[in-house]
Amino acid sequence: MHDTANIYAGTPDNDTMGGRMLRARDAAGLTIAELAARLGVRKATVQAWENDRSQPRANKMQMIAGLLNVSLSWLLHGIGAGPVEDDGAQLLESMALQLDRLKRMHHESRLLADRIERDMRRLAARVEAGSAA
């Protein structure tokens, strides 16, 4: 891990906590399943953390930081010792993972918007039918 004597010396990482976790896991060479097993949680739980759908409890945060070899302050706030990225290939792979994550989130958002639109149509039809009666 980096020297953390002055954690404010570097530029803050403005990614989300889930994004930082994903990048640190990738830099550590762990799969979601491997990290989940080491933390004693389900794979879906780690996926939810990395997709910013939920956050780990404090005791798990400390474990995650240790397992991924990053500082807790970096994991939480993007300030401090983050993962060491070896070369451009690793950065490119990390960017590809982030792009894939963004595409999945976009798809999920579209499905949710479609569901809301259907519900609005059904509700409008009920309101219209009720006012016609």
Protein backbone atom coordinates (compact mmCIF):
# COMPACT_ATOMS: atom_id res chain seq x y z
CA MET A 1 0.00 0.00 0.00
CA HIS A 2 1.08 3.60 -0.57
CA ASP A 3 2.44 5.86 2.12
CA THR A 4 -0.61 7.57 3.60
CA ALA A 5 1.20 10.24 5.66
CA ASN A 6 -0.49 12.92 3.57
CA ILE A 7 -3.63 11.47 2.02
CA TYR A 8 -4.65 14.80 0.51
CA ALA A 9 -1.52 15.15 -1.66
CA GLY A 10 -3.00 13.44 -4.70
CA THR A 11 -5.97 14.17 -6.89
CA PRO A 12 -9.21 12.75 -5.47
CA ASP A 13 -10.78 9.84 -7.33
CA ASN A 14 -14.26 11.07 -8.23
CA ASP A 15 -15.65 7.65 -9.15
CA THR A 16 -18.41 6.16 -7.00
CA MET A 17 -17.58 3.84 -4.14
CA GLY A 18 -18.83 0.90 -6.21
CA GLY A 19 -16.67 1.96 -9.14
CA ARG A 20 -13.60 2.26 -6.91
CA MET A 21 -14.36 -1.16 -5.42
CA LEU A 22 -14.66 -2.71 -8.88
CA ARG A 23 -11.37 -1.16 -10.03
CA ALA A 24 -9.55 -2.23 -6.85
CA ARG A 25 -10.92 -5.77 -7.14
CA ASP A 26 -9.80 -5.88 -10.75
CA ALA A 27 -6.32 -4.55 -9.83
CA ALA A 28 -6.11 -7.21 -7.09
CA GLY A 29 -6.91 -9.89 -9.68
CA LEU A 30 -9.99 -11.18 -7.85
CA THR A 31 -13.28 -12.25 -9.38
CA ILE A 32 -16.56 -11.23 -7.79
CA ALA A 33 -17.03 -14.81 -6.59
CA GLU A 34 -13.55 -14.88 -5.00
CA LEU A 35 -14.07 -11.58 -3.18
CA ALA A 36 -17.53 -12.69 -2.01
CA ALA A 37 -16.11 -15.95 -0.64
CA ARG A 38 -13.34 -14.15 1.24
CA LEU A 39 -15.85 -11.71 2.74
CA GLY A 40 -18.39 -14.40 3.59
CA VAL A 41 -21.16 -12.83 1.51
CA ARG A 42 -23.09 -13.81 -1.59
CA LYS A 43 -21.83 -12.93 -5.06
CA ALA A 44 -25.01 -10.87 -5.64
CA THR A 45 -24.14 -8.80 -2.57
CA VAL A 46 -20.75 -7.82 -4.00
CA GLN A 47 -22.40 -7.07 -7.35
CA ALA A 48 -24.90 -4.78 -5.61
CA TRP A 49 -22.03 -2.95 -3.88
CA GLU A 50 -20.12 -2.53 -7.15
CA ASN A 51 -23.26 -1.29 -8.92
CA ASP A 52 -23.91 1.23 -6.12
CA ARG A 53 -27.26 -0.37 -5.26
CA SER A 54 -26.22 -0.87 -1.65
CA GLN A 55 -23.20 -0.33 0.57
CA PRO A 56 -21.32 -2.68 2.83
CA ARG A 57 -21.47 -2.29 6.59
CA ALA A 58 -18.50 -0.69 8.35
CA ASN A 59 -16.91 -4.01 9.38
CA LYS A 60 -17.05 -5.27 5.78
CA MET A 61 -15.63 -1.99 4.44
CA GLN A 62 -12.48 -2.45 6.51
CA MET A 63 -12.17 -6.06 5.31
CA ILE A 64 -12.66 -5.02 1.69
CA ALA A 65 -9.99 -2.32 1.93
CA GLY A 66 -7.55 -4.85 3.40
CA LEU A 67 -8.31 -7.57 0.86
CA LEU A 68 -8.01 -5.16 -2.06
CA ASN A 69 -4.90 -3.47 -0.66
CA VAL A 70 -6.35 0.06 -0.69
CA SER A 71 -6.90 2.57 2.08
CA LEU A 72 -10.34 2.80 3.64
CA SER A 73 -10.42 6.55 2.92
CA TRP A 74 -9.80 5.88 -0.78
CA LEU A 75 -12.50 3.25 -0.92
CA LEU A 76 -15.03 5.50 0.82
CA HIS A 77 -14.12 8.95 -0.50
CA GLY A 78 -11.53 8.59 -3.26
CA ILE A 79 -8.79 10.19 -1.16
CA GLY A 80 -5.70 8.25 -0.18
CA ALA A 81 -3.96 5.10 -1.33
CA GLY A 82 -5.77 3.43 -4.21
CA PRO A 83 -4.84 0.41 -6.31
CA VAL A 84 -1.59 0.43 -8.23
CA GLU A 85 -2.23 0.06 -11.92
CA ASP A 86 0.72 -1.56 -13.67
CA ASP A 87 0.35 -0.62 -17.29
CA GLY A 88 -1.91 0.69 -20.01
CA ALA A 89 -3.35 -2.77 -20.66
CA GLN A 90 -4.68 -3.00 -17.13
CA LEU A 91 -6.12 0.51 -17.36
CA LEU A 92 -7.74 -0.36 -20.67
CA GLU A 93 -9.29 -3.49 -19.15
CA SER A 94 -10.55 -1.45 -16.21
CA MET A 95 -12.10 1.08 -18.57
CA ALA A 96 -13.76 -1.72 -20.54
CA LEU A 97 -15.26 -3.07 -17.31
CA GLN A 98 -16.56 0.37 -16.40
CA LEU A 99 -18.06 0.80 -19.88
CA ASP A 100 -19.75 -2.59 -19.59
CA ARG A 101 -21.14 -1.57 -16.20
CA LEU A 102 -22.45 1.69 -17.67
CA LYS A 103 -24.15 -0.19 -20.51
CA ARG A 104 -25.82 -2.58 -18.04
CA MET A 105 -27.02 0.34 -15.92
CA HIS A 106 -28.38 2.05 -19.04
CA HIS A 107 -30.26 -1.12 -20.01
CA GLU A 108 -31.69 -1.46 -16.50
CA SER A 109 -32.74 2.20 -16.54
CA ARG A 110 -34.54 1.72 -19.84
CA LEU A 111 -36.39 -1.34 -18.50
CA LEU A 112 -37.42 0.64 -15.43
CA ALA A 113 -38.60 3.59 -17.56
CA ASP A 114 -40.66 1.23 -19.73
CA ARG A 115 -42.22 -0.34 -16.63
CA ILE A 116 -43.13 3.09 -15.22
CA GLU A 117 -44.62 4.10 -18.55
CA ARG A 118 -46.80 0.95 -18.65
CA ASP A 119 -47.98 1.59 -15.08
CA MET A 120 -48.83 5.19 -15.94
CA ARG A 121 -50.90 4.06 -18.92
CA ARG A 122 -52.79 1.55 -16.76
CA LEU A 123 -53.44 4.16 -14.09
CA ALA A 124 -54.58 6.71 -16.69
CA ALA A 125 -56.99 4.13 -18.14
CA ARG A 126 -58.43 3.44 -14.67
CA VAL A 127 -58.85 7.14 -13.96
CA GLU A 128 -60.50 7.66 -17.36
CA ALA A 129 -62.81 4.66 -16.83
CA GLY A 130 -63.74 5.94 -13.36
CA SER A 131 -64.60 9.44 -14.59
CA ALA A 132 -66.70 8.01 -17.45
CA ALA A 133 -68.87 6.07 -15.01
